[in-house]
Amino acid sequence: MLGYSAALQEEKVAMADEQRLADELFDADAMSIPGVLAKLEALIALDAPSEHSDERPWPQLRRIRAELTRLLERQARQTV
């Protein structure tokens, strides 16, 4: 049981670190469209109940993420 207790403690520490880093990310001002996209990616990864959740707003947020990605890729191709 000792190993299990240590693992639980490590998990709590990791979750607290994850939350602290997420708070820092979301509190920071994005300086670019890729920065906004990174924040959107993090939000979906951290808070969506599942990768394929059909509950609002997750499908809509995933679609916005895809649209931003397409726009950035199109913009990158035009500047080459």
PDB file of N, CA and C in Angstrom:
ATOM      1  N   MET A   1       0.826  -1.199   0.000  1.00  0.00           N
ATOM      2  CA  MET A   1       0.000   0.000   0.000  1.00  0.00           C
ATOM      3  C   MET A   1       0.866   1.257   0.000  1.00  0.00           C
ATOM      4  N   LEU A   2       2.083   1.127   0.472  1.00  0.00           N
ATOM      5  CA  LEU A   2       2.974   2.271   0.548  1.00  0.00           C
ATOM      6  C   LEU A   2       3.253   2.845  -0.841  1.00  0.00           C
ATOM      7  N   GLY A   3       3.514   1.965  -1.827  1.00  0.00           N
ATOM      8  CA  GLY A   3       3.761   2.412  -3.198  1.00  0.00           C
ATOM      9  C   GLY A   3       2.554   3.117  -3.792  1.00  0.00           C
ATOM     10  N   TYR A   4       1.372   2.606  -3.486  1.00  0.00           N
ATOM     11  CA  TYR A   4       0.145   3.214  -3.988  1.00  0.00           C
ATOM     12  C   TYR A   4      -0.042   4.615  -3.412  1.00  0.00           C
ATOM     13  N   SER A   5       0.218   4.780  -2.137  1.00  0.00           N
ATOM     14  CA  SER A   5       0.093   6.096  -1.497  1.00  0.00           C
ATOM     15  C   SER A   5       1.075   7.091  -2.107  1.00  0.00           C
ATOM     16  N   ALA A   6       2.277   6.642  -2.375  1.00  0.00           N
ATOM     17  CA  ALA A   6       3.279   7.516  -2.999  1.00  0.00           C
ATOM     18  C   ALA A   6       2.833   7.907  -4.402  1.00  0.00           C
ATOM     19  N   ALA A   7       2.277   6.947  -5.127  1.00  0.00           N
ATOM     20  CA  ALA A   7       1.798   7.237  -6.480  1.00  0.00           C
ATOM     21  C   ALA A   7       0.650   8.248  -6.451  1.00  0.00           C
ATOM     22  N   LEU A   8      -0.247   8.094  -5.486  1.00  0.00           N
ATOM     23  CA  LEU A   8      -1.351   9.053  -5.348  1.00  0.00           C
ATOM     24  C   LEU A   8      -0.828  10.451  -5.046  1.00  0.00           C
ATOM     25  N   GLN A   9       0.167  10.538  -4.188  1.00  0.00           N
ATOM     26  CA  GLN A   9       0.748  11.837  -3.846  1.00  0.00           C
ATOM     27  C   GLN A   9       1.400  12.458  -5.072  1.00  0.00           C
ATOM     28  N   GLU A  10       2.138  11.657  -5.834  1.00  0.00           N
ATOM     29  CA  GLU A  10       2.781  12.166  -7.050  1.00  0.00           C
ATOM     30  C   GLU A  10       1.738  12.632  -8.058  1.00  0.00           C
ATOM     31  N   GLU A  11       0.635  11.905  -8.147  1.00  0.00           N
ATOM     32  CA  GLU A  11      -0.443  12.296  -9.056  1.00  0.00           C
ATOM     33  C   GLU A  11      -1.039  13.640  -8.629  1.00  0.00           C
ATOM     34  N   LYS A  12      -1.237  13.845  -7.336  1.00  0.00           N
ATOM     35  CA  LYS A  12      -1.764  15.119  -6.838  1.00  0.00           C
ATOM     36  C   LYS A  12      -0.825  16.270  -7.177  1.00  0.00           C
ATOM     37  N   VAL A  13       0.476  16.035  -7.009  1.00  0.00           N
ATOM     38  CA  VAL A  13       1.469  17.069  -7.321  1.00  0.00           C
ATOM     39  C   VAL A  13       1.437  17.382  -8.819  1.00  0.00           C
ATOM     40  N   ALA A  14       1.374  16.351  -9.641  1.00  0.00           N
ATOM     41  CA  ALA A  14       1.337  16.547 -11.098  1.00  0.00           C
ATOM     42  C   ALA A  14       0.083  17.307 -11.514  1.00  0.00           C
ATOM     43  N   MET A  15      -1.033  16.982 -10.907  1.00  0.00           N
ATOM     44  CA  MET A  15      -2.288  17.678 -11.241  1.00  0.00           C
ATOM     45  C   MET A  15      -2.223  19.141 -10.819  1.00  0.00           C
ATOM     46  N   ALA A  16      -1.638  19.416  -9.683  1.00  0.00           N
ATOM     47  CA  ALA A  16      -1.484  20.797  -9.231  1.00  0.00           C
ATOM     48  C   ALA A  16      -0.558  21.564 -10.167  1.00  0.00           C
ATOM     49  N   ASP A  17       0.521  20.927 -10.614  1.00  0.00           N
ATOM     50  CA  ASP A  17       1.431  21.560 -11.577  1.00  0.00           C
ATOM     51  C   ASP A  17       0.718  21.843 -12.889  1.00  0.00           C
ATOM     52  N   GLU A  18      -0.046  20.873 -13.358  1.00  0.00           N
ATOM     53  CA  GLU A  18      -0.797  21.046 -14.602  1.00  0.00           C
ATOM     54  C   GLU A  18      -1.762  22.229 -14.488  1.00  0.00           C
ATOM     55  N   GLN A  19      -2.463  22.324 -13.370  1.00  0.00           N
ATOM     56  CA  GLN A  19      -3.407  23.412 -13.166  1.00  0.00           C
ATOM     57  C   GLN A  19      -2.695  24.759 -13.113  1.00  0.00           C
ATOM     58  N   ARG A  20      -1.566  24.815 -12.412  1.00  0.00           N
ATOM     59  CA  ARG A  20      -0.795  26.059 -12.314  1.00  0.00           C
ATOM     60  C   ARG A  20      -0.322  26.515 -13.694  1.00  0.00           C
ATOM     61  N   LEU A  21       0.208  25.574 -14.471  1.00  0.00           N
ATOM     62  CA  LEU A  21       0.688  25.918 -15.815  1.00  0.00           C
ATOM     63  C   LEU A  21      -0.460  26.333 -16.728  1.00  0.00           C
ATOM     64  N   ALA A  22      -1.600  25.654 -16.611  1.00  0.00           N
ATOM     65  CA  ALA A  22      -2.770  26.033 -17.410  1.00  0.00           C
ATOM     66  C   ALA A  22      -3.234  27.433 -17.038  1.00  0.00           C
ATOM     67  N   ASP A  23      -3.262  27.735 -15.750  1.00  0.00           N
ATOM     68  CA  ASP A  23      -3.657  29.076 -15.313  1.00  0.00           C
ATOM     69  C   ASP A  23      -2.718  30.133 -15.898  1.00  0.00           C
ATOM     70  N   GLU A  24      -1.420  29.845 -15.875  1.00  0.00           N
ATOM     71  CA  GLU A  24      -0.448  30.784 -16.447  1.00  0.00           C
ATOM     72  C   GLU A  24      -0.676  30.967 -17.935  1.00  0.00           C
ATOM     73  N   LEU A  25      -0.932  29.873 -18.637  1.00  0.00           N
ATOM     74  CA  LEU A  25      -1.184  29.942 -20.080  1.00  0.00           C
ATOM     75  C   LEU A  25      -2.407  30.805 -20.374  1.00  0.00           C
ATOM     76  N   PHE A  26      -3.504  30.537 -19.675  1.00  0.00           N
ATOM     77  CA  PHE A  26      -4.749  31.245 -19.966  1.00  0.00           C
ATOM     78  C   PHE A  26      -4.725  32.688 -19.474  1.00  0.00           C
ATOM     79  N   ASP A  27      -3.893  32.990 -18.498  1.00  0.00           N
ATOM     80  CA  ASP A  27      -3.764  34.367 -18.017  1.00  0.00           C
ATOM     81  C   ASP A  27      -2.878  35.215 -18.922  1.00  0.00           C
ATOM     82  N   ALA A  28      -2.006  34.574 -19.689  1.00  0.00           N
ATOM     83  CA  ALA A  28      -1.090  35.295 -20.573  1.00  0.00           C
ATOM     84  C   ALA A  28      -1.831  35.773 -21.822  1.00  0.00           C
ATOM     85  N   ASP A  29      -1.445  36.938 -22.304  1.00  0.00           N
ATOM     86  CA  ASP A  29      -2.002  37.444 -23.559  1.00  0.00           C
ATOM     87  C   ASP A  29      -1.318  36.749 -24.725  1.00  0.00           C
ATOM     88  N   ALA A  30      -2.111  36.207 -25.644  1.00  0.00           N
ATOM     89  CA  ALA A  30      -1.539  35.624 -26.853  1.00  0.00           C
ATOM     90  C   ALA A  30      -0.980  36.747 -27.705  1.00  0.00           C
ATOM     91  N   MET A  31       0.162  36.499 -28.314  1.00  0.00           N
ATOM     92  CA  MET A  31       0.830  37.503 -29.128  1.00  0.00           C
ATOM     93  C   MET A  31       0.691  37.233 -30.622  1.00  0.00           C
ATOM     94  N   SER A  32      -0.016  36.143 -30.968  1.00  0.00           N
ATOM     95  CA  SER A  32      -0.164  35.769 -32.370  1.00  0.00           C
ATOM     96  C   SER A  32      -1.356  34.830 -32.511  1.00  0.00           C
ATOM     97  N   ILE A  33      -1.756  34.602 -33.754  1.00  0.00           N
ATOM     98  CA  ILE A  33      -2.828  33.631 -34.014  1.00  0.00           C
ATOM     99  C   ILE A  33      -2.377  32.230 -33.583  1.00  0.00           C
ATOM    100  N   PRO A  34      -1.131  31.810 -33.864  1.00  0.00           N
ATOM    101  CA  PRO A  34      -0.706  30.505 -33.337  1.00  0.00           C
ATOM    102  C   PRO A  34      -0.776  30.441 -31.806  1.00  0.00           C
ATOM    103  N   GLY A  35      -0.549  31.557 -31.138  1.00  0.00           N
ATOM    104  CA  GLY A  35      -0.674  31.584 -29.684  1.00  0.00           C
ATOM    105  C   GLY A  35      -2.110  31.371 -29.234  1.00  0.00           C
ATOM    106  N   VAL A  36      -3.049  31.980 -29.937  1.00  0.00           N
ATOM    107  CA  VAL A  36      -4.474  31.775 -29.644  1.00  0.00           C
ATOM    108  C   VAL A  36      -4.835  30.316 -29.899  1.00  0.00           C
ATOM    109  N   LEU A  37      -4.334  29.773 -30.999  1.00  0.00           N
ATOM    110  CA  LEU A  37      -4.602  28.380 -31.332  1.00  0.00           C
ATOM    111  C   LEU A  37      -4.040  27.441 -30.257  1.00  0.00           C
ATOM    112  N   ALA A  38      -2.870  27.747 -29.748  1.00  0.00           N
ATOM    113  CA  ALA A  38      -2.276  26.929 -28.690  1.00  0.00           C
ATOM    114  C   ALA A  38      -3.146  26.944 -27.433  1.00  0.00           C
ATOM    115  N   LYS A  39      -3.688  28.104 -27.108  1.00  0.00           N
ATOM    116  CA  LYS A  39      -4.557  28.192 -25.935  1.00  0.00           C
ATOM    117  C   LYS A  39      -5.837  27.394 -26.157  1.00  0.00           C
ATOM    118  N   LEU A  40      -6.384  27.458 -27.370  1.00  0.00           N
ATOM    119  CA  LEU A  40      -7.582  26.691 -27.699  1.00  0.00           C
ATOM    120  C   LEU A  40      -7.293  25.196 -27.621  1.00  0.00           C
ATOM    121  N   GLU A  41      -6.151  24.779 -28.154  1.00  0.00           N
ATOM    122  CA  GLU A  41      -5.735  23.366 -28.069  1.00  0.00           C
ATOM    123  C   GLU A  41      -5.665  22.912 -26.611  1.00  0.00           C
ATOM    124  N   ALA A  42      -5.049  23.726 -25.782  1.00  0.00           N
ATOM    125  CA  ALA A  42      -4.905  23.373 -24.370  1.00  0.00           C
ATOM    126  C   ALA A  42      -6.261  23.280 -23.692  1.00  0.00           C
ATOM    127  N   LEU A  43      -7.144  24.211 -23.970  1.00  0.00           N
ATOM    128  CA  LEU A  43      -8.480  24.196 -23.374  1.00  0.00           C
ATOM    129  C   LEU A  43      -9.217  22.912 -23.725  1.00  0.00           C
ATOM    130  N   ILE A  44      -9.177  22.542 -24.996  1.00  0.00           N
ATOM    131  CA  ILE A  44      -9.856  21.323 -25.431  1.00  0.00           C
ATOM    132  C   ILE A  44      -9.212  20.102 -24.767  1.00  0.00           C
ATOM    133  N   ALA A  45      -7.894  20.049 -24.769  1.00  0.00           N
ATOM    134  CA  ALA A  45      -7.195  18.892 -24.198  1.00  0.00           C
ATOM    135  C   ALA A  45      -7.446  18.749 -22.700  1.00  0.00           C
ATOM    136  N   LEU A  46      -7.488  19.869 -21.992  1.00  0.00           N
ATOM    137  CA  LEU A  46      -7.619  19.816 -20.535  1.00  0.00           C
ATOM    138  C   LEU A  46      -9.051  19.640 -20.047  1.00  0.00           C
ATOM    139  N   ASP A  47     -10.004  20.233 -20.760  1.00  0.00           N
ATOM    140  CA  ASP A  47     -11.350  20.317 -20.188  1.00  0.00           C
ATOM    141  C   ASP A  47     -12.437  19.525 -20.902  1.00  0.00           C
ATOM    142  N   ALA A  48     -12.204  19.099 -22.131  1.00  0.00           N
ATOM    143  CA  ALA A  48     -13.245  18.323 -22.822  1.00  0.00           C
ATOM    144  C   ALA A  48     -13.434  16.989 -22.110  1.00  0.00           C
ATOM    145  N   PRO A  49     -14.685  16.563 -21.933  1.00  0.00           N
ATOM    146  CA  PRO A  49     -14.919  15.301 -21.231  1.00  0.00           C
ATOM    147  C   PRO A  49     -14.344  14.093 -21.971  1.00  0.00           C
ATOM    148  N   SER A  50     -14.250  14.187 -23.301  1.00  0.00           N
ATOM    149  CA  SER A  50     -13.608  13.148 -24.102  1.00  0.00           C
ATOM    150  C   SER A  50     -13.206  13.775 -25.434  1.00  0.00           C
ATOM    151  N   GLU A  51     -12.350  13.075 -26.162  1.00  0.00           N
ATOM    152  CA  GLU A  51     -11.854  13.604 -27.434  1.00  0.00           C
ATOM    153  C   GLU A  51     -12.972  13.780 -28.458  1.00  0.00           C
ATOM    154  N   HIS A  52     -14.026  12.996 -28.333  1.00  0.00           N
ATOM    155  CA  HIS A  52     -15.106  13.022 -29.321  1.00  0.00           C
ATOM    156  C   HIS A  52     -16.442  13.442 -28.723  1.00  0.00           C
ATOM    157  N   SER A  53     -16.407  14.183 -27.654  1.00  0.00           N
ATOM    158  CA  SER A  53     -17.644  14.609 -26.998  1.00  0.00           C
ATOM    159  C   SER A  53     -18.503  15.424 -27.958  1.00  0.00           C
ATOM    160  N   ASP A  54     -19.783  15.084 -28.003  1.00  0.00           N
ATOM    161  CA  ASP A  54     -20.724  15.826 -28.839  1.00  0.00           C
ATOM    162  C   ASP A  54     -21.454  16.907 -28.057  1.00  0.00           C
ATOM    163  N   GLU A  55     -21.122  17.028 -26.771  1.00  0.00           N
ATOM    164  CA  GLU A  55     -21.742  18.063 -25.941  1.00  0.00           C
ATOM    165  C   GLU A  55     -21.243  19.431 -26.351  1.00  0.00           C
ATOM    166  N   ARG A  56     -22.158  20.369 -26.426  1.00  0.00           N
ATOM    167  CA  ARG A  56     -21.781  21.747 -26.686  1.00  0.00           C
ATOM    168  C   ARG A  56     -20.944  22.254 -25.532  1.00  0.00           C
ATOM    169  N   PRO A  57     -19.877  22.934 -25.702  1.00  0.00           N
ATOM    170  CA  PRO A  57     -19.345  23.611 -26.882  1.00  0.00           C
ATOM    171  C   PRO A  57     -18.203  22.853 -27.555  1.00  0.00           C
ATOM    172  N   TRP A  58     -17.948  21.581 -27.199  1.00  0.00           N
ATOM    173  CA  TRP A  58     -16.741  20.898 -27.664  1.00  0.00           C
ATOM    174  C   TRP A  58     -16.689  20.689 -29.168  1.00  0.00           C
ATOM    175  N   PRO A  59     -17.769  20.257 -29.832  1.00  0.00           N
ATOM    176  CA  PRO A  59     -17.680  20.141 -31.303  1.00  0.00           C
ATOM    177  C   PRO A  59     -17.423  21.504 -31.952  1.00  0.00           C
ATOM    178  N   GLN A  60     -18.041  22.541 -31.410  1.00  0.00           N
ATOM    179  CA  GLN A  60     -17.861  23.875 -31.969  1.00  0.00           C
ATOM    180  C   GLN A  60     -16.421  24.360 -31.767  1.00  0.00           C
ATOM    181  N   LEU A  61     -15.868  24.102 -30.597  1.00  0.00           N
ATOM    182  CA  LEU A  61     -14.482  24.511 -30.343  1.00  0.00           C
ATOM    183  C   LEU A  61     -13.504  23.725 -31.213  1.00  0.00           C
ATOM    184  N   ARG A  62     -13.774  22.429 -31.415  1.00  0.00           N
ATOM    185  CA  ARG A  62     -12.904  21.647 -32.298  1.00  0.00           C
ATOM    186  C   ARG A  62     -12.987  22.170 -33.731  1.00  0.00           C
ATOM    187  N   ARG A  63     -14.169  22.580 -34.152  1.00  0.00           N
ATOM    188  CA  ARG A  63     -14.321  23.129 -35.508  1.00  0.00           C
ATOM    189  C   ARG A  63     -13.568  24.458 -35.635  1.00  0.00           C
ATOM    190  N   ILE A  64     -13.663  25.309 -34.636  1.00  0.00           N
ATOM    191  CA  ILE A  64     -12.922  26.572 -34.655  1.00  0.00           C
ATOM    192  C   ILE A  64     -11.426  26.290 -34.724  1.00  0.00           C
ATOM    193  N   ARG A  65     -10.970  25.303 -33.965  1.00  0.00           N
ATOM    194  CA  ARG A  65      -9.555  24.917 -33.997  1.00  0.00           C
ATOM    195  C   ARG A  65      -9.160  24.492 -35.409  1.00  0.00           C
ATOM    196  N   ALA A  66      -9.979  23.679 -36.052  1.00  0.00           N
ATOM    197  CA  ALA A  66      -9.683  23.222 -37.409  1.00  0.00           C
ATOM    198  C   ALA A  66      -9.673  24.390 -38.394  1.00  0.00           C
ATOM    199  N   GLU A  67     -10.611  25.308 -38.247  1.00  0.00           N
ATOM    200  CA  GLU A  67     -10.671  26.472 -39.133  1.00  0.00           C
ATOM    201  C   GLU A  67      -9.433  27.347 -38.969  1.00  0.00           C
ATOM    202  N   LEU A  68      -9.024  27.597 -37.730  1.00  0.00           N
ATOM    203  CA  LEU A  68      -7.823  28.399 -37.492  1.00  0.00           C
ATOM    204  C   LEU A  68      -6.586  27.716 -38.079  1.00  0.00           C
ATOM    205  N   THR A  69      -6.505  26.412 -37.908  1.00  0.00           N
ATOM    206  CA  THR A  69      -5.365  25.660 -38.446  1.00  0.00           C
ATOM    207  C   THR A  69      -5.323  25.779 -39.962  1.00  0.00           C
ATOM    208  N   ARG A  70      -6.483  25.610 -40.618  1.00  0.00           N
ATOM    209  CA  ARG A  70      -6.548  25.744 -42.083  1.00  0.00           C
ATOM    210  C   ARG A  70      -6.141  27.133 -42.539  1.00  0.00           C
ATOM    211  N   LEU A  71      -6.652  28.159 -41.850  1.00  0.00           N
ATOM    212  CA  LEU A  71      -6.314  29.530 -42.217  1.00  0.00           C
ATOM    213  C   LEU A  71      -4.817  29.793 -42.082  1.00  0.00           C
ATOM    214  N   LEU A  72      -4.227  29.304 -41.004  1.00  0.00           N
ATOM    215  CA  LEU A  72      -2.788  29.485 -40.809  1.00  0.00           C
ATOM    216  C   LEU A  72      -1.987  28.752 -41.874  1.00  0.00           C
ATOM    217  N   GLU A  73      -2.414  27.530 -42.231  1.00  0.00           N
ATOM    218  CA  GLU A  73      -1.716  26.784 -43.276  1.00  0.00           C
ATOM    219  C   GLU A  73      -1.827  27.484 -44.618  1.00  0.00           C
ATOM    220  N   ARG A  74      -3.005  28.007 -44.925  1.00  0.00           N
ATOM    221  CA  ARG A  74      -3.208  28.740 -46.179  1.00  0.00           C
ATOM    222  C   ARG A  74      -2.334  29.990 -46.203  1.00  0.00           C
ATOM    223  N   GLN A  75      -2.297  30.682 -45.088  1.00  0.00           N
ATOM    224  CA  GLN A  75      -1.470  31.886 -44.986  1.00  0.00           C
ATOM    225  C   GLN A  75       0.012  31.553 -45.172  1.00  0.00           C
ATOM    226  N   ALA A  76       0.446  30.458 -44.589  1.00  0.00           N
ATOM    227  CA  ALA A  76       1.849  30.030 -44.715  1.00  0.00           C
ATOM    228  C   ALA A  76       2.191  29.698 -46.167  1.00  0.00           C
ATOM    229  N   ARG A  77       1.292  29.043 -46.874  1.00  0.00           N
ATOM    230  CA  ARG A  77       1.540  28.712 -48.280  1.00  0.00           C
ATOM    231  C   ARG A  77       1.606  29.968 -49.153  1.00  0.00           C
ATOM    232  N   GLN A  78       0.815  30.976 -48.813  1.00  0.00           N
ATOM    233  CA  GLN A  78       0.799  32.203 -49.611  1.00  0.00           C
ATOM    234  C   GLN A  78       2.039  33.037 -49.404  1.00  0.00           C
ATOM    235  N   THR A  79       2.691  32.903 -48.271  1.00  0.00           N
ATOM    236  CA  THR A  79       3.872  33.728 -47.997  1.00  0.00           C
ATOM    237  C   THR A  79       5.153  33.069 -48.483  1.00  0.00           C
ATOM    238  N   VAL A  80       5.053  31.832 -48.984  1.00  0.00           N
ATOM    239  CA  VAL A  80       6.259  31.121 -49.470  1.00  0.00           C
ATOM    240  C   VAL A  80       6.583  31.531 -50.873  1.00  0.00           C
TER     241      VAL A  80
END
